[in-house]
Amino acid sequence: MSRRVLHVVSNVAYYDDRSHPTGLWLSELTHAFDVFAEKSYEQRIVSPKGGSSPLEPRALKWPLLDASEGVAGEQEPHGASVGDGAA
């Protein structure tokens, strides 16, 4: 059986209103992804609603600058179960 990890990322772009943006801290996902990749885990990235995951605006400012527009191509977690992942 292959070792698998299911990364679930947010679809939430705002806290309580549009003046309070939020999103994924990309470094949190990429760090975990790299650690599991080094150990040859099969990995999937999903979001609760499917589609893209907005990036946290504060994470895009220097010195944390990342030129990414967002994490695209996430899948909805249909068919994913706790037993599908190893971590």
PDB file of N, CA and C in Angstrom:
ATOM      1  N   MET A   1       0.843  -1.186   0.000  1.00  0.00           N
ATOM      2  CA  MET A   1       0.000   0.000   0.000  1.00  0.00           C
ATOM      3  C   MET A   1       0.883   1.242   0.000  1.00  0.00           C
ATOM      4  N   SER A   2       0.579   2.158  -0.898  1.00  0.00           N
ATOM      5  CA  SER A   2       1.363   3.388  -0.953  1.00  0.00           C
ATOM      6  C   SER A   2       1.000   4.307   0.209  1.00  0.00           C
ATOM      7  N   ARG A   3       1.953   5.099   0.604  1.00  0.00           N
ATOM      8  CA  ARG A   3       1.717   6.069   1.677  1.00  0.00           C
ATOM      9  C   ARG A   3       1.188   7.337   1.032  1.00  0.00           C
ATOM     10  N   ARG A   4       0.092   7.836   1.570  1.00  0.00           N
ATOM     11  CA  ARG A   4      -0.574   8.980   0.958  1.00  0.00           C
ATOM     12  C   ARG A   4      -0.879  10.056   1.984  1.00  0.00           C
ATOM     13  N   VAL A   5      -0.872  11.305   1.502  1.00  0.00           N
ATOM     14  CA  VAL A   5      -1.220  12.461   2.328  1.00  0.00           C
ATOM     15  C   VAL A   5      -2.252  13.286   1.570  1.00  0.00           C
ATOM     16  N   LEU A   6      -3.290  13.700   2.277  1.00  0.00           N
ATOM     17  CA  LEU A   6      -4.311  14.567   1.714  1.00  0.00           C
ATOM     18  C   LEU A   6      -4.157  15.936   2.377  1.00  0.00           C
ATOM     19  N   HIS A   7      -3.743  16.933   1.597  1.00  0.00           N
ATOM     20  CA  HIS A   7      -3.615  18.305   2.094  1.00  0.00           C
ATOM     21  C   HIS A   7      -4.943  19.014   1.828  1.00  0.00           C
ATOM     22  N   VAL A   8      -5.578  19.533   2.865  1.00  0.00           N
ATOM     23  CA  VAL A   8      -6.826  20.274   2.709  1.00  0.00           C
ATOM     24  C   VAL A   8      -6.515  21.752   2.930  1.00  0.00           C
ATOM     25  N   VAL A   9      -6.746  22.564   1.888  1.00  0.00           N
ATOM     26  CA  VAL A   9      -6.460  23.996   1.962  1.00  0.00           C
ATOM     27  C   VAL A   9      -7.764  24.788   1.939  1.00  0.00           C
ATOM     28  N   SER A  10      -7.708  26.002   2.398  1.00  0.00           N
ATOM     29  CA  SER A  10      -8.886  26.849   2.572  1.00  0.00           C
ATOM     30  C   SER A  10      -9.407  27.439   1.263  1.00  0.00           C
ATOM     31  N   ASN A  11     -10.721  27.654   1.234  1.00  0.00           N
ATOM     32  CA  ASN A  11     -11.355  28.438   0.174  1.00  0.00           C
ATOM     33  C   ASN A  11     -11.711  29.828   0.679  1.00  0.00           C
ATOM     34  N   VAL A  12     -11.483  30.103   1.946  1.00  0.00           N
ATOM     35  CA  VAL A  12     -11.916  31.341   2.580  1.00  0.00           C
ATOM     36  C   VAL A  12     -10.997  32.493   2.199  1.00  0.00           C
ATOM     37  N   ALA A  13     -11.577  33.550   1.639  1.00  0.00           N
ATOM     38  CA  ALA A  13     -10.797  34.714   1.204  1.00  0.00           C
ATOM     39  C   ALA A  13     -10.919  35.890   2.170  1.00  0.00           C
ATOM     40  N   TYR A  14     -11.916  35.864   3.051  1.00  0.00           N
ATOM     41  CA  TYR A  14     -12.162  36.983   3.965  1.00  0.00           C
ATOM     42  C   TYR A  14     -12.601  36.450   5.313  1.00  0.00           C
ATOM     43  N   TYR A  15     -12.243  37.180   6.371  1.00  0.00           N
ATOM     44  CA  TYR A  15     -12.730  36.828   7.700  1.00  0.00           C
ATOM     45  C   TYR A  15     -14.202  37.199   7.794  1.00  0.00           C
ATOM     46  N   ASP A  16     -14.530  38.298   8.435  1.00  0.00           N
ATOM     47  CA  ASP A  16     -15.922  38.684   8.626  1.00  0.00           C
ATOM     48  C   ASP A  16     -16.466  39.579   7.511  1.00  0.00           C
ATOM     49  N   ASP A  17     -15.584  40.246   6.776  1.00  0.00           N
ATOM     50  CA  ASP A  17     -16.006  41.064   5.638  1.00  0.00           C
ATOM     51  C   ASP A  17     -14.815  41.282   4.711  1.00  0.00           C
ATOM     52  N   ARG A  18     -15.065  41.935   3.588  1.00  0.00           N
ATOM     53  CA  ARG A  18     -14.016  42.099   2.569  1.00  0.00           C
ATOM     54  C   ARG A  18     -12.858  42.990   3.019  1.00  0.00           C
ATOM     55  N   SER A  19     -13.023  43.699   4.115  1.00  0.00           N
ATOM     56  CA  SER A  19     -11.919  44.534   4.593  1.00  0.00           C
ATOM     57  C   SER A  19     -10.927  43.724   5.443  1.00  0.00           C
ATOM     58  N   HIS A  20     -11.205  42.452   5.648  1.00  0.00           N
ATOM     59  CA  HIS A  20     -10.327  41.563   6.412  1.00  0.00           C
ATOM     60  C   HIS A  20      -9.961  40.330   5.583  1.00  0.00           C
ATOM     61  N   PRO A  21      -9.109  40.485   4.552  1.00  0.00           N
ATOM     62  CA  PRO A  21      -8.752  39.349   3.702  1.00  0.00           C
ATOM     63  C   PRO A  21      -7.892  38.324   4.439  1.00  0.00           C
ATOM     64  N   THR A  22      -8.003  37.105   4.002  1.00  0.00           N
ATOM     65  CA  THR A  22      -7.191  36.017   4.543  1.00  0.00           C
ATOM     66  C   THR A  22      -6.974  34.998   3.434  1.00  0.00           C
ATOM     67  N   GLY A  23      -6.339  33.930   3.748  1.00  0.00           N
ATOM     68  CA  GLY A  23      -6.112  32.873   2.771  1.00  0.00           C
ATOM     69  C   GLY A  23      -5.010  31.937   3.233  1.00  0.00           C
ATOM     70  N   LEU A  24      -4.531  31.156   2.319  1.00  0.00           N
ATOM     71  CA  LEU A  24      -3.507  30.153   2.584  1.00  0.00           C
ATOM     72  C   LEU A  24      -2.133  30.801   2.694  1.00  0.00           C
ATOM     73  N   TRP A  25      -1.388  30.447   3.747  1.00  0.00           N
ATOM     74  CA  TRP A  25       0.032  30.807   3.829  1.00  0.00           C
ATOM     75  C   TRP A  25       0.744  29.742   3.009  1.00  0.00           C
ATOM     76  N   LEU A  26       1.135  30.084   1.805  1.00  0.00           N
ATOM     77  CA  LEU A  26       1.690  29.121   0.865  1.00  0.00           C
ATOM     78  C   LEU A  26       2.879  28.360   1.435  1.00  0.00           C
ATOM     79  N   SER A  27       3.708  29.023   2.235  1.00  0.00           N
ATOM     80  CA  SER A  27       4.878  28.347   2.794  1.00  0.00           C
ATOM     81  C   SER A  27       4.488  27.189   3.712  1.00  0.00           C
ATOM     82  N   GLU A  28       3.339  27.273   4.369  1.00  0.00           N
ATOM     83  CA  GLU A  28       2.904  26.172   5.223  1.00  0.00           C
ATOM     84  C   GLU A  28       2.594  24.932   4.387  1.00  0.00           C
ATOM     85  N   LEU A  29       1.976  25.126   3.247  1.00  0.00           N
ATOM     86  CA  LEU A  29       1.687  23.999   2.361  1.00  0.00           C
ATOM     87  C   LEU A  29       2.957  23.474   1.703  1.00  0.00           C
ATOM     88  N   THR A  30       3.780  24.370   1.170  1.00  0.00           N
ATOM     89  CA  THR A  30       4.958  23.913   0.430  1.00  0.00           C
ATOM     90  C   THR A  30       5.976  23.228   1.332  1.00  0.00           C
ATOM     91  N   HIS A  31       6.108  23.682   2.568  1.00  0.00           N
ATOM     92  CA  HIS A  31       7.044  23.027   3.484  1.00  0.00           C
ATOM     93  C   HIS A  31       6.597  21.580   3.737  1.00  0.00           C
ATOM     94  N   ALA A  32       5.328  21.410   4.086  1.00  0.00           N
ATOM     95  CA  ALA A  32       4.813  20.057   4.327  1.00  0.00           C
ATOM     96  C   ALA A  32       4.915  19.207   3.065  1.00  0.00           C
ATOM     97  N   PHE A  33       4.579  19.785   1.918  1.00  0.00           N
ATOM     98  CA  PHE A  33       4.633  19.053   0.660  1.00  0.00           C
ATOM     99  C   PHE A  33       6.055  18.550   0.392  1.00  0.00           C
ATOM    100  N   ASP A  34       7.042  19.418   0.602  1.00  0.00           N
ATOM    101  CA  ASP A  34       8.441  19.028   0.387  1.00  0.00           C
ATOM    102  C   ASP A  34       8.879  17.916   1.330  1.00  0.00           C
ATOM    103  N   VAL A  35       8.490  18.004   2.594  1.00  0.00           N
ATOM    104  CA  VAL A  35       8.867  16.979   3.579  1.00  0.00           C
ATOM    105  C   VAL A  35       8.301  15.623   3.168  1.00  0.00           C
ATOM    106  N   PHE A  36       7.018  15.583   2.793  1.00  0.00           N
ATOM    107  CA  PHE A  36       6.413  14.320   2.393  1.00  0.00           C
ATOM    108  C   PHE A  36       6.948  13.832   1.053  1.00  0.00           C
ATOM    109  N   ALA A  37       7.259  14.743   0.138  1.00  0.00           N
ATOM    110  CA  ALA A  37       7.811  14.357  -1.163  1.00  0.00           C
ATOM    111  C   ALA A  37       9.169  13.674  -0.995  1.00  0.00           C
ATOM    112  N   GLU A  38       9.983  14.180  -0.076  1.00  0.00           N
ATOM    113  CA  GLU A  38      11.290  13.565   0.184  1.00  0.00           C
ATOM    114  C   GLU A  38      11.143  12.125   0.647  1.00  0.00           C
ATOM    115  N   LYS A  39      10.027  11.794   1.270  1.00  0.00           N
ATOM    116  CA  LYS A  39       9.783  10.447   1.778  1.00  0.00           C
ATOM    117  C   LYS A  39       8.896   9.637   0.829  1.00  0.00           C
ATOM    118  N   SER A  40       8.719  10.152  -0.387  1.00  0.00           N
ATOM    119  CA  SER A  40       7.988   9.467  -1.463  1.00  0.00           C
ATOM    120  C   SER A  40       6.510   9.212  -1.172  1.00  0.00           C
ATOM    121  N   TYR A  41       5.883  10.123  -0.452  1.00  0.00           N
ATOM    122  CA  TYR A  41       4.446  10.013  -0.227  1.00  0.00           C
ATOM    123  C   TYR A  41       3.699  10.467  -1.472  1.00  0.00           C
ATOM    124  N   GLU A  42       2.605   9.802  -1.779  1.00  0.00           N
ATOM    125  CA  GLU A  42       1.686  10.278  -2.801  1.00  0.00           C
ATOM    126  C   GLU A  42       0.870  11.387  -2.153  1.00  0.00           C
ATOM    127  N   GLN A  43       0.706  12.533  -2.839  1.00  0.00           N
ATOM    128  CA  GLN A  43       0.035  13.668  -2.223  1.00  0.00           C
ATOM    129  C   GLN A  43      -1.069  14.211  -3.115  1.00  0.00           C
ATOM    130  N   ARG A  44      -2.154  14.636  -2.472  1.00  0.00           N
ATOM    131  CA  ARG A  44      -3.254  15.326  -3.152  1.00  0.00           C
ATOM    132  C   ARG A  44      -3.542  16.603  -2.402  1.00  0.00           C
ATOM    133  N   ILE A  45      -3.910  17.639  -3.136  1.00  0.00           N
ATOM    134  CA  ILE A  45      -4.327  18.904  -2.545  1.00  0.00           C
ATOM    135  C   ILE A  45      -5.802  19.094  -2.880  1.00  0.00           C
ATOM    136  N   VAL A  46      -6.613  19.297  -1.856  1.00  0.00           N
ATOM    137  CA  VAL A  46      -8.043  19.522  -2.057  1.00  0.00           C
ATOM    138  C   VAL A  46      -8.469  20.740  -1.250  1.00  0.00           C
ATOM    139  N   SER A  47      -9.623  21.268  -1.589  1.00  0.00           N
ATOM    140  CA  SER A  47     -10.231  22.338  -0.802  1.00  0.00           C
ATOM    141  C   SER A  47     -11.700  21.981  -0.622  1.00  0.00           C
ATOM    142  N   PRO A  48     -12.325  22.435   0.445  1.00  0.00           N
ATOM    143  CA  PRO A  48     -13.709  22.052   0.723  1.00  0.00           C
ATOM    144  C   PRO A  48     -14.680  22.310  -0.428  1.00  0.00           C
ATOM    145  N   LYS A  49     -14.493  23.413  -1.149  1.00  0.00           N
ATOM    146  CA  LYS A  49     -15.400  23.750  -2.245  1.00  0.00           C
ATOM    147  C   LYS A  49     -14.810  23.428  -3.611  1.00  0.00           C
ATOM    148  N   GLY A  50     -13.588  22.902  -3.662  1.00  0.00           N
ATOM    149  CA  GLY A  50     -12.910  22.704  -4.934  1.00  0.00           C
ATOM    150  C   GLY A  50     -12.452  24.047  -5.479  1.00  0.00           C
ATOM    151  N   GLY A  51     -11.715  24.035  -6.554  1.00  0.00           N
ATOM    152  CA  GLY A  51     -11.267  25.285  -7.152  1.00  0.00           C
ATOM    153  C   GLY A  51     -10.046  25.853  -6.462  1.00  0.00           C
ATOM    154  N   SER A  52      -9.793  27.116  -6.717  1.00  0.00           N
ATOM    155  CA  SER A  52      -8.564  27.731  -6.209  1.00  0.00           C
ATOM    156  C   SER A  52      -8.669  28.096  -4.735  1.00  0.00           C
ATOM    157  N   SER A  53      -7.500  28.284  -4.149  1.00  0.00           N
ATOM    158  CA  SER A  53      -7.393  28.697  -2.757  1.00  0.00           C
ATOM    159  C   SER A  53      -6.722  30.065  -2.730  1.00  0.00           C
ATOM    160  N   PRO A  54      -7.388  31.075  -2.162  1.00  0.00           N
ATOM    161  CA  PRO A  54      -6.771  32.400  -2.117  1.00  0.00           C
ATOM    162  C   PRO A  54      -5.542  32.386  -1.210  1.00  0.00           C
ATOM    163  N   LEU A  55      -4.574  33.208  -1.540  1.00  0.00           N
ATOM    164  CA  LEU A  55      -3.367  33.312  -0.717  1.00  0.00           C
ATOM    165  C   LEU A  55      -3.512  34.445   0.289  1.00  0.00           C
ATOM    166  N   GLU A  56      -2.953  34.235   1.460  1.00  0.00           N
ATOM    167  CA  GLU A  56      -2.954  35.237   2.527  1.00  0.00           C
ATOM    168  C   GLU A  56      -2.178  36.461   2.061  1.00  0.00           C
ATOM    169  N   PRO A  57      -2.799  37.644   1.982  1.00  0.00           N
ATOM    170  CA  PRO A  57      -2.102  38.846   1.502  1.00  0.00           C
ATOM    171  C   PRO A  57      -0.852  39.187   2.311  1.00  0.00           C
ATOM    172  N   ARG A  58      -0.890  38.971   3.623  1.00  0.00           N
ATOM    173  CA  ARG A  58       0.285  39.293   4.450  1.00  0.00           C
ATOM    174  C   ARG A  58       1.475  38.405   4.103  1.00  0.00           C
ATOM    175  N   ALA A  59       1.223  37.226   3.568  1.00  0.00           N
ATOM    176  CA  ALA A  59       2.302  36.315   3.204  1.00  0.00           C
ATOM    177  C   ALA A  59       2.955  36.717   1.885  1.00  0.00           C
ATOM    178  N   LEU A  60       2.351  37.657   1.195  1.00  0.00           N
ATOM    179  CA  LEU A  60       2.870  38.080  -0.104  1.00  0.00           C
ATOM    180  C   LEU A  60       3.699  39.360  -0.017  1.00  0.00           C
ATOM    181  N   LYS A  61       3.959  39.823   1.182  1.00  0.00           N
ATOM    182  CA  LYS A  61       4.749  41.044   1.377  1.00  0.00           C
ATOM    183  C   LYS A  61       6.171  40.673   1.755  1.00  0.00           C
ATOM    184  N   TRP A  62       7.098  41.531   1.367  1.00  0.00           N
ATOM    185  CA  TRP A  62       8.488  41.311   1.717  1.00  0.00           C
ATOM    186  C   TRP A  62       8.628  41.282   3.226  1.00  0.00           C
ATOM    187  N   PRO A  63       9.379  40.406   3.817  1.00  0.00           N
ATOM    188  CA  PRO A  63      10.338  39.469   3.230  1.00  0.00           C
ATOM    189  C   PRO A  63       9.736  38.117   2.882  1.00  0.00           C
ATOM    190  N   LEU A  64       8.429  37.969   2.977  1.00  0.00           N
ATOM    191  CA  LEU A  64       7.783  36.691   2.690  1.00  0.00           C
ATOM    192  C   LEU A  64       7.283  36.611   1.256  1.00  0.00           C
ATOM    193  N   LEU A  65       7.706  37.534   0.422  1.00  0.00           N
ATOM    194  CA  LEU A  65       7.176  37.685  -0.928  1.00  0.00           C
ATOM    195  C   LEU A  65       7.158  36.391  -1.714  1.00  0.00           C
ATOM    196  N   ASP A  66       6.019  36.122  -2.289  1.00  0.00           N
ATOM    197  CA  ASP A  66       5.836  34.986  -3.184  1.00  0.00           C
ATOM    198  C   ASP A  66       4.982  35.505  -4.333  1.00  0.00           C
ATOM    199  N   ALA A  67       5.427  35.376  -5.549  1.00  0.00           N
ATOM    200  CA  ALA A  67       4.743  35.961  -6.695  1.00  0.00           C
ATOM    201  C   ALA A  67       3.538  35.157  -7.156  1.00  0.00           C
ATOM    202  N   SER A  68       3.173  34.106  -6.454  1.00  0.00           N
ATOM    203  CA  SER A  68       2.057  33.260  -6.864  1.00  0.00           C
ATOM    204  C   SER A  68       0.741  34.015  -6.818  1.00  0.00           C
ATOM    205  N   GLU A  69      -0.172  33.630  -7.678  1.00  0.00           N
ATOM    206  CA  GLU A  69      -1.502  34.213  -7.718  1.00  0.00           C
ATOM    207  C   GLU A  69      -2.474  33.421  -6.859  1.00  0.00           C
ATOM    208  N   GLY A  70      -2.158  32.213  -6.541  1.00  0.00           N
ATOM    209  CA  GLY A  70      -3.046  31.336  -5.776  1.00  0.00           C
ATOM    210  C   GLY A  70      -2.708  29.904  -6.112  1.00  0.00           C
ATOM    211  N   VAL A  71      -3.235  29.018  -5.344  1.00  0.00           N
ATOM    212  CA  VAL A  71      -3.020  27.601  -5.604  1.00  0.00           C
ATOM    213  C   VAL A  71      -4.174  27.157  -6.471  1.00  0.00           C
ATOM    214  N   ALA A  72      -3.892  26.821  -7.706  1.00  0.00           N
ATOM    215  CA  ALA A  72      -4.944  26.473  -8.649  1.00  0.00           C
ATOM    216  C   ALA A  72      -5.058  24.972  -8.802  1.00  0.00           C
ATOM    217  N   GLY A  73      -6.230  24.553  -9.200  1.00  0.00           N
ATOM    218  CA  GLY A  73      -6.434  23.160  -9.550  1.00  0.00           C
ATOM    219  C   GLY A  73      -6.703  22.236  -8.385  1.00  0.00           C
ATOM    220  N   GLU A  74      -7.035  22.767  -7.221  1.00  0.00           N
ATOM    221  CA  GLU A  74      -7.374  21.873  -6.138  1.00  0.00           C
ATOM    222  C   GLU A  74      -8.650  21.139  -6.493  1.00  0.00           C
ATOM    223  N   GLN A  75      -8.791  19.984  -5.943  1.00  0.00           N
ATOM    224  CA  GLN A  75      -9.977  19.184  -6.167  1.00  0.00           C
ATOM    225  C   GLN A  75     -10.883  19.290  -4.964  1.00  0.00           C
ATOM    226  N   GLU A  76     -12.171  19.018  -5.197  1.00  0.00           N
ATOM    227  CA  GLU A  76     -13.069  18.875  -4.069  1.00  0.00           C
ATOM    228  C   GLU A  76     -12.727  17.548  -3.404  1.00  0.00           C
ATOM    229  N   PRO A  77     -12.963  17.440  -2.100  1.00  0.00           N
ATOM    230  CA  PRO A  77     -12.574  16.220  -1.409  1.00  0.00           C
ATOM    231  C   PRO A  77     -13.546  15.060  -1.580  1.00  0.00           C
ATOM    232  N   HIS A  78     -14.327  15.028  -2.668  1.00  0.00           N
ATOM    233  CA  HIS A  78     -15.244  13.925  -2.892  1.00  0.00           C
ATOM    234  C   HIS A  78     -14.479  12.609  -2.918  1.00  0.00           C
ATOM    235  N   GLY A  79     -14.974  11.661  -2.196  1.00  0.00           N
ATOM    236  CA  GLY A  79     -14.346  10.345  -2.198  1.00  0.00           C
ATOM    237  C   GLY A  79     -13.129  10.252  -1.317  1.00  0.00           C
ATOM    238  N   ALA A  80     -12.673  11.343  -0.751  1.00  0.00           N
ATOM    239  CA  ALA A  80     -11.526  11.294   0.132  1.00  0.00           C
ATOM    240  C   ALA A  80     -12.025  10.927   1.519  1.00  0.00           C
ATOM    241  N   SER A  81     -11.342  10.008   2.161  1.00  0.00           N
ATOM    242  CA  SER A  81     -11.720   9.615   3.517  1.00  0.00           C
ATOM    243  C   SER A  81     -10.487   9.595   4.399  1.00  0.00           C
ATOM    244  N   VAL A  82     -10.714   9.550   5.685  1.00  0.00           N
ATOM    245  CA  VAL A  82      -9.600   9.547   6.633  1.00  0.00           C
ATOM    246  C   VAL A  82      -8.654   8.402   6.323  1.00  0.00           C
ATOM    247  N   GLY A  83      -9.160   7.285   5.886  1.00  0.00           N
ATOM    248  CA  GLY A  83      -8.334   6.119   5.571  1.00  0.00           C
ATOM    249  C   GLY A  83      -7.486   6.307   4.330  1.00  0.00           C
ATOM    250  N   ASP A  84      -7.734   7.358   3.548  1.00  0.00           N
ATOM    251  CA  ASP A  84      -6.961   7.603   2.331  1.00  0.00           C
ATOM    252  C   ASP A  84      -5.609   8.199   2.612  1.00  0.00           C
ATOM    253  N   GLY A  85      -5.413   8.796   3.784  1.00  0.00           N
ATOM    254  CA  GLY A  85      -4.154   9.498   4.066  1.00  0.00           C
ATOM    255  C   GLY A  85      -3.351   8.790   5.124  1.00  0.00           C
ATOM    256  N   ALA A  86      -2.073   9.090   5.134  1.00  0.00           N
ATOM    257  CA  ALA A  86      -1.178   8.493   6.124  1.00  0.00           C
ATOM    258  C   ALA A  86      -0.838   9.491   7.230  1.00  0.00           C
ATOM    259  N   ALA A  87      -1.117  10.761   7.004  1.00  0.00           N
ATOM    260  CA  ALA A  87      -0.778  11.753   8.024  1.00  0.00           C
ATOM    261  C   ALA A  87      -1.881  12.772   8.131  1.00  0.00           C
TER     262      ALA A  87
END
